[in-house]
Amino acid sequence: MENQEQGKQSFSKHLTQSEVKDRIIFFSYTDVAPFFEFQEGRLFFMDVTDSLGKAWTFIGTFYANPEVGKYVSIKWPQFSSEKGLKANDEVIFTERPQREGEAPWKKFNVVIKRKIRLFGQDIWGELKV
């Protein structure tokens, strides 16, 4: 998915209740294919910076399942816990360029958006925790 505002590549999804409970997020490989080369069973690291500038490292794994196809799981227990994530929160990963001297794995910024009801209207706002 192309993020028109920033001109950078991004992928996103709304969290399910089980993803929040298990502190893991799943993406269809087609959603993340522009960012990662699929290698079943391979672990990979994602350096992530949240909207407050705090750095995190998430661990992902590639899977293939005959019923659901190729998918990626990303484990983020501490991030999920500290941010107080809830079902239906939107998680947006935006790729950022690698800086000189950084580790060779992918770098992303992450934004969490949550829907609130205000004056009878649903409004999506960025979670700043």
N, C-alpha and C. Protein backbone atom coordinates (compact mmCIF):
# COMPACT_ATOMS: atom_id res chain seq x y z
N MET A 1 0.85 -1.17 0.00
CA MET A 1 0.00 0.00 0.00
C MET A 1 0.89 1.24 0.00
N GLU A 2 0.60 2.19 -0.81
CA GLU A 2 1.40 3.41 -0.91
C GLU A 2 0.82 4.46 0.02
N ASN A 3 1.64 5.04 0.85
CA ASN A 3 1.24 6.10 1.74
C ASN A 3 1.44 7.41 0.99
N GLN A 4 0.38 7.99 0.49
CA GLN A 4 0.48 9.19 -0.35
C GLN A 4 1.02 10.40 0.40
N GLU A 5 0.69 10.53 1.68
CA GLU A 5 1.11 11.71 2.43
C GLU A 5 2.62 11.79 2.57
N GLN A 6 3.27 10.67 2.81
CA GLN A 6 4.69 10.70 3.07
C GLN A 6 5.52 10.20 1.90
N GLY A 7 4.87 9.65 0.88
CA GLY A 7 5.60 9.15 -0.27
C GLY A 7 6.45 7.94 0.04
N LYS A 8 6.13 7.23 1.12
CA LYS A 8 6.89 6.06 1.53
C LYS A 8 5.98 4.85 1.50
N GLN A 9 6.59 3.69 1.44
CA GLN A 9 5.85 2.44 1.44
C GLN A 9 5.43 2.09 2.87
N SER A 10 4.18 1.60 3.00
CA SER A 10 3.70 1.21 4.32
C SER A 10 2.76 0.02 4.21
N PHE A 11 2.53 -0.62 5.34
CA PHE A 11 1.51 -1.67 5.44
C PHE A 11 0.82 -1.51 6.79
N SER A 12 -0.44 -1.91 6.85
CA SER A 12 -1.21 -1.69 8.07
C SER A 12 -2.31 -2.72 8.22
N LYS A 13 -2.87 -2.75 9.42
CA LYS A 13 -4.04 -3.59 9.68
C LYS A 13 -4.68 -3.19 11.00
N HIS A 14 -5.91 -3.63 11.18
CA HIS A 14 -6.61 -3.45 12.45
C HIS A 14 -6.40 -4.72 13.27
N LEU A 15 -6.09 -4.55 14.54
CA LEU A 15 -5.80 -5.69 15.40
C LEU A 15 -7.06 -6.46 15.76
N THR A 16 -6.92 -7.77 15.84
CA THR A 16 -8.01 -8.62 16.31
C THR A 16 -7.85 -8.82 17.82
N GLN A 17 -8.90 -9.31 18.45
CA GLN A 17 -8.84 -9.58 19.88
C GLN A 17 -7.76 -10.62 20.21
N SER A 18 -7.64 -11.65 19.38
CA SER A 18 -6.63 -12.68 19.66
C SER A 18 -5.21 -12.14 19.47
N GLU A 19 -5.00 -11.23 18.52
CA GLU A 19 -3.67 -10.63 18.35
C GLU A 19 -3.30 -9.79 19.57
N VAL A 20 -4.26 -9.09 20.12
CA VAL A 20 -4.00 -8.28 21.31
C VAL A 20 -3.69 -9.19 22.50
N LYS A 21 -4.50 -10.21 22.67
CA LYS A 21 -4.33 -11.15 23.80
C LYS A 21 -2.98 -11.86 23.71
N ASP A 22 -2.62 -12.34 22.52
CA ASP A 22 -1.39 -13.11 22.33
C ASP A 22 -0.15 -12.25 22.09
N ARG A 23 -0.35 -10.93 21.94
CA ARG A 23 0.75 -9.98 21.70
C ARG A 23 1.59 -10.35 20.50
N ILE A 24 0.87 -10.68 19.43
CA ILE A 24 1.50 -11.04 18.16
C ILE A 24 0.58 -10.53 17.06
N ILE A 25 1.14 -10.11 15.95
CA ILE A 25 0.33 -9.59 14.84
C ILE A 25 0.62 -10.42 13.60
N PHE A 26 -0.41 -10.69 12.82
CA PHE A 26 -0.27 -11.50 11.61
C PHE A 26 -0.61 -10.68 10.38
N PHE A 27 0.20 -10.87 9.34
CA PHE A 27 -0.04 -10.23 8.04
C PHE A 27 0.00 -11.30 6.96
N SER A 28 -0.88 -11.19 6.00
CA SER A 28 -0.76 -12.01 4.80
C SER A 28 0.55 -11.60 4.13
N TYR A 29 1.25 -12.56 3.55
CA TYR A 29 2.52 -12.21 2.90
C TYR A 29 2.31 -11.19 1.79
N THR A 30 1.17 -11.23 1.11
CA THR A 30 0.93 -10.26 0.03
C THR A 30 0.95 -8.82 0.55
N ASP A 31 0.61 -8.61 1.84
CA ASP A 31 0.63 -7.26 2.42
C ASP A 31 2.04 -6.75 2.66
N VAL A 32 2.97 -7.66 2.90
CA VAL A 32 4.33 -7.25 3.26
C VAL A 32 5.38 -7.62 2.22
N ALA A 33 4.95 -8.21 1.10
CA ALA A 33 5.88 -8.67 0.05
C ALA A 33 6.84 -7.58 -0.43
N PRO A 34 6.41 -6.30 -0.56
CA PRO A 34 7.37 -5.29 -1.02
C PRO A 34 8.54 -5.06 -0.05
N PHE A 35 8.42 -5.56 1.18
CA PHE A 35 9.42 -5.27 2.20
C PHE A 35 10.31 -6.46 2.55
N PHE A 36 9.79 -7.68 2.34
CA PHE A 36 10.50 -8.87 2.80
C PHE A 36 10.47 -9.96 1.73
N GLU A 37 11.57 -10.69 1.64
CA GLU A 37 11.63 -11.85 0.76
C GLU A 37 11.19 -13.07 1.58
N PHE A 38 10.21 -13.79 1.09
CA PHE A 38 9.65 -14.92 1.83
C PHE A 38 10.64 -16.08 1.89
N GLN A 39 10.91 -16.56 3.09
CA GLN A 39 11.71 -17.76 3.33
C GLN A 39 11.08 -18.49 4.50
N GLU A 40 10.30 -19.52 4.19
CA GLU A 40 9.52 -20.21 5.23
C GLU A 40 10.38 -20.61 6.42
N GLY A 41 9.88 -20.30 7.63
CA GLY A 41 10.56 -20.65 8.86
C GLY A 41 11.65 -19.68 9.29
N ARG A 42 12.03 -18.76 8.40
CA ARG A 42 13.12 -17.84 8.73
C ARG A 42 12.65 -16.76 9.71
N LEU A 43 13.48 -16.49 10.71
CA LEU A 43 13.24 -15.39 11.63
C LEU A 43 13.88 -14.13 11.06
N PHE A 44 13.29 -12.98 11.35
CA PHE A 44 13.89 -11.72 10.95
C PHE A 44 13.61 -10.67 12.01
N PHE A 45 14.41 -9.63 11.99
CA PHE A 45 14.26 -8.54 12.95
C PHE A 45 13.72 -7.30 12.25
N MET A 46 12.95 -6.53 12.98
CA MET A 46 12.46 -5.24 12.51
C MET A 46 12.83 -4.20 13.56
N ASP A 47 13.64 -3.23 13.20
CA ASP A 47 13.89 -2.10 14.09
C ASP A 47 12.76 -1.11 13.85
N VAL A 48 12.08 -0.75 14.92
CA VAL A 48 10.89 0.08 14.82
C VAL A 48 11.03 1.27 15.76
N THR A 49 10.60 2.44 15.28
CA THR A 49 10.57 3.63 16.11
C THR A 49 9.12 4.08 16.23
N ASP A 50 8.65 4.27 17.47
CA ASP A 50 7.26 4.68 17.66
C ASP A 50 7.11 6.19 17.50
N SER A 51 5.89 6.67 17.63
CA SER A 51 5.62 8.09 17.39
C SER A 51 6.22 9.00 18.46
N LEU A 52 6.70 8.43 19.57
CA LEU A 52 7.37 9.21 20.60
C LEU A 52 8.89 9.16 20.47
N GLY A 53 9.37 8.43 19.45
CA GLY A 53 10.80 8.33 19.20
C GLY A 53 11.49 7.18 19.92
N LYS A 54 10.72 6.34 20.61
CA LYS A 54 11.31 5.20 21.32
C LYS A 54 11.59 4.07 20.33
N ALA A 55 12.77 3.45 20.47
CA ALA A 55 13.19 2.37 19.57
C ALA A 55 12.78 1.01 20.14
N TRP A 56 12.33 0.14 19.23
CA TRP A 56 11.91 -1.21 19.58
C TRP A 56 12.49 -2.17 18.54
N THR A 57 12.66 -3.44 18.92
CA THR A 57 13.00 -4.48 17.96
C THR A 57 11.94 -5.57 18.04
N PHE A 58 11.29 -5.83 16.91
CA PHE A 58 10.28 -6.88 16.82
C PHE A 58 10.90 -8.07 16.10
N ILE A 59 10.40 -9.26 16.41
CA ILE A 59 10.87 -10.49 15.76
C ILE A 59 9.74 -11.06 14.91
N GLY A 60 10.04 -11.30 13.65
CA GLY A 60 9.05 -11.86 12.73
C GLY A 60 9.46 -13.23 12.25
N THR A 61 8.46 -13.98 11.77
CA THR A 61 8.69 -15.31 11.22
C THR A 61 7.80 -15.50 10.00
N PHE A 62 8.34 -16.16 8.98
CA PHE A 62 7.57 -16.48 7.77
C PHE A 62 6.98 -17.88 7.90
N TYR A 63 5.72 -18.04 7.47
CA TYR A 63 5.05 -19.34 7.49
C TYR A 63 4.32 -19.57 6.19
N ALA A 64 4.11 -20.84 5.87
CA ALA A 64 3.26 -21.23 4.73
C ALA A 64 2.29 -22.27 5.25
N ASN A 65 1.01 -22.08 4.96
CA ASN A 65 -0.03 -22.99 5.41
C ASN A 65 -0.92 -23.28 4.22
N PRO A 66 -1.19 -24.54 3.93
CA PRO A 66 -2.00 -24.86 2.74
C PRO A 66 -3.40 -24.25 2.77
N GLU A 67 -3.94 -24.00 3.96
CA GLU A 67 -5.29 -23.45 4.06
C GLU A 67 -5.33 -21.93 3.94
N VAL A 68 -4.33 -21.24 4.48
CA VAL A 68 -4.35 -19.76 4.46
C VAL A 68 -3.27 -19.14 3.59
N GLY A 69 -2.34 -19.93 3.09
CA GLY A 69 -1.28 -19.41 2.25
C GLY A 69 -0.09 -18.91 3.06
N LYS A 70 0.71 -18.04 2.46
CA LYS A 70 1.89 -17.50 3.11
C LYS A 70 1.49 -16.36 4.03
N TYR A 71 2.10 -16.34 5.21
CA TYR A 71 1.84 -15.24 6.13
C TYR A 71 3.06 -14.98 7.00
N VAL A 72 3.01 -13.84 7.70
CA VAL A 72 4.10 -13.39 8.55
C VAL A 72 3.54 -13.13 9.93
N SER A 73 4.24 -13.59 10.96
CA SER A 73 3.87 -13.23 12.33
C SER A 73 4.95 -12.31 12.88
N ILE A 74 4.52 -11.31 13.64
CA ILE A 74 5.46 -10.37 14.25
C ILE A 74 5.16 -10.35 15.75
N LYS A 75 6.17 -10.71 16.53
CA LYS A 75 6.02 -10.73 17.99
C LYS A 75 6.47 -9.38 18.56
N TRP A 76 5.64 -8.86 19.47
CA TRP A 76 5.93 -7.56 20.06
C TRP A 76 5.36 -7.45 21.47
N PRO A 77 5.70 -8.39 22.36
CA PRO A 77 5.05 -8.43 23.67
C PRO A 77 5.22 -7.17 24.51
N GLN A 78 6.41 -6.65 24.61
CA GLN A 78 6.64 -5.47 25.45
C GLN A 78 5.95 -4.25 24.86
N PHE A 79 6.06 -4.07 23.55
CA PHE A 79 5.42 -2.94 22.87
C PHE A 79 3.92 -2.98 23.09
N SER A 80 3.33 -4.14 22.84
CA SER A 80 1.88 -4.32 22.98
C SER A 80 1.42 -4.01 24.40
N SER A 81 2.17 -4.48 25.36
CA SER A 81 1.84 -4.26 26.77
C SER A 81 1.96 -2.79 27.16
N GLU A 82 3.08 -2.17 26.82
CA GLU A 82 3.31 -0.77 27.20
C GLU A 82 2.34 0.19 26.52
N LYS A 83 1.95 -0.13 25.29
CA LYS A 83 1.05 0.76 24.55
C LYS A 83 -0.42 0.52 24.91
N GLY A 84 -0.71 -0.56 25.61
CA GLY A 84 -2.09 -0.85 25.98
C GLY A 84 -2.97 -1.07 24.75
N LEU A 85 -2.48 -1.82 23.79
CA LEU A 85 -3.21 -2.01 22.53
C LEU A 85 -4.54 -2.71 22.77
N LYS A 86 -5.51 -2.37 21.91
CA LYS A 86 -6.85 -2.93 22.00
C LYS A 86 -7.28 -3.44 20.64
N ALA A 87 -8.25 -4.35 20.66
CA ALA A 87 -8.82 -4.83 19.40
C ALA A 87 -9.35 -3.65 18.60
N ASN A 88 -9.15 -3.69 17.31
CA ASN A 88 -9.55 -2.67 16.34
C ASN A 88 -8.61 -1.48 16.26
N ASP A 89 -7.57 -1.40 17.11
CA ASP A 89 -6.54 -0.37 16.91
C ASP A 89 -5.91 -0.62 15.55
N GLU A 90 -5.57 0.45 14.85
CA GLU A 90 -4.90 0.31 13.56
C GLU A 90 -3.40 0.49 13.77
N VAL A 91 -2.64 -0.44 13.22
CA VAL A 91 -1.19 -0.41 13.31
C VAL A 91 -0.66 -0.13 11.91
N ILE A 92 0.16 0.92 11.79
CA ILE A 92 0.70 1.32 10.48
C ILE A 92 2.22 1.31 10.56
N PHE A 93 2.84 0.47 9.74
CA PHE A 93 4.29 0.41 9.63
C PHE A 93 4.70 1.14 8.36
N THR A 94 5.61 2.11 8.48
CA THR A 94 6.11 2.84 7.33
C THR A 94 7.62 2.63 7.27
N GLU A 95 8.08 2.15 6.11
CA GLU A 95 9.51 1.90 5.95
C GLU A 95 10.28 3.20 6.00
N ARG A 96 11.44 3.15 6.66
CA ARG A 96 12.32 4.33 6.67
C ARG A 96 13.69 3.92 6.15
N PRO A 97 14.40 4.85 5.57
CA PRO A 97 15.71 4.52 5.01
C PRO A 97 16.69 4.09 6.10
N GLN A 98 17.58 3.21 5.70
CA GLN A 98 18.63 2.77 6.62
C GLN A 98 19.68 3.85 6.73
N ARG A 99 20.09 4.13 7.96
CA ARG A 99 21.12 5.13 8.20
C ARG A 99 22.48 4.46 8.28
N GLU A 100 23.50 5.23 7.98
CA GLU A 100 24.85 4.69 7.99
C GLU A 100 25.20 4.13 9.37
N GLY A 101 25.78 2.94 9.39
CA GLY A 101 26.19 2.31 10.63
C GLY A 101 25.11 1.49 11.32
N GLU A 102 23.90 1.47 10.78
CA GLU A 102 22.82 0.71 11.39
C GLU A 102 22.90 -0.76 10.99
N ALA A 103 22.26 -1.60 11.79
CA ALA A 103 22.18 -3.04 11.47
C ALA A 103 21.48 -3.21 10.12
N PRO A 104 21.75 -4.32 9.43
CA PRO A 104 21.28 -4.49 8.05
C PRO A 104 19.80 -4.82 7.90
N TRP A 105 19.07 -5.08 8.99
CA TRP A 105 17.67 -5.46 8.81
C TRP A 105 16.78 -4.23 8.60
N LYS A 106 15.53 -4.51 8.25
CA LYS A 106 14.58 -3.45 7.88
C LYS A 106 14.26 -2.51 9.03
N LYS A 107 14.03 -1.25 8.68
CA LYS A 107 13.72 -0.20 9.65
C LYS A 107 12.33 0.36 9.33
N PHE A 108 11.54 0.57 10.38
CA PHE A 108 10.19 1.09 10.20
C PHE A 108 9.84 2.10 11.28
N ASN A 109 8.93 2.99 10.96
CA ASN A 109 8.25 3.80 11.95
C ASN A 109 6.90 3.13 12.15
N VAL A 110 6.38 3.17 13.37
CA VAL A 110 5.08 2.59 13.63
C VAL A 110 4.17 3.63 14.27
N VAL A 111 2.94 3.67 13.80
CA VAL A 111 1.93 4.56 14.35
C VAL A 111 0.73 3.70 14.72
N ILE A 112 0.17 3.97 15.89
CA ILE A 112 -1.04 3.28 16.33
C ILE A 112 -2.18 4.29 16.34
N LYS A 113 -3.28 3.92 15.70
CA LYS A 113 -4.46 4.79 15.69
C LYS A 113 -5.61 4.06 16.38
N ARG A 114 -6.39 4.83 17.14
CA ARG A 114 -7.53 4.27 17.87
C ARG A 114 -8.76 5.11 17.57
N LYS A 115 -9.86 4.41 17.43
CA LYS A 115 -11.13 5.09 17.15
C LYS A 115 -11.76 5.50 18.48
N ILE A 116 -12.19 6.76 18.53
CA ILE A 116 -12.95 7.25 19.68
C ILE A 116 -14.25 7.86 19.17
N ARG A 117 -15.20 7.94 20.03
CA ARG A 117 -16.49 8.54 19.68
C ARG A 117 -16.54 9.92 20.33
N LEU A 118 -16.74 10.94 19.52
CA LEU A 118 -16.76 12.31 20.01
C LEU A 118 -17.93 13.04 19.39
N PHE A 119 -18.83 13.52 20.21
CA PHE A 119 -20.03 14.23 19.74
C PHE A 119 -20.79 13.42 18.70
N GLY A 120 -20.90 12.09 18.96
CA GLY A 120 -21.64 11.22 18.06
C GLY A 120 -20.91 10.84 16.78
N GLN A 121 -19.67 11.22 16.65
CA GLN A 121 -18.87 10.92 15.46
C GLN A 121 -17.72 9.99 15.82
N ASP A 122 -17.43 9.05 14.92
CA ASP A 122 -16.24 8.21 15.09
C ASP A 122 -15.04 8.96 14.54
N ILE A 123 -14.01 9.08 15.38
CA ILE A 123 -12.79 9.80 14.98
C ILE A 123 -11.59 8.91 15.27
N TRP A 124 -10.68 8.79 14.31
CA TRP A 124 -9.45 8.04 14.48
C TRP A 124 -8.35 9.00 14.90
N GLY A 125 -7.73 8.71 16.03
CA GLY A 125 -6.64 9.55 16.50
C GLY A 125 -5.41 8.73 16.78
N GLU A 126 -4.26 9.36 16.70
CA GLU A 126 -3.00 8.67 16.94
C GLU A 126 -2.82 8.45 18.43
N LEU A 127 -2.44 7.23 18.81
CA LEU A 127 -2.21 6.87 20.20
C LEU A 127 -0.81 7.31 20.57
N LYS A 128 -0.70 8.19 21.55
CA LYS A 128 0.61 8.72 21.98
C LYS A 128 0.86 8.28 23.41
N VAL A 129 1.33 7.05 23.55
CA VAL A 129 1.61 6.50 24.90
C VAL A 129 3.03 6.01 24.93
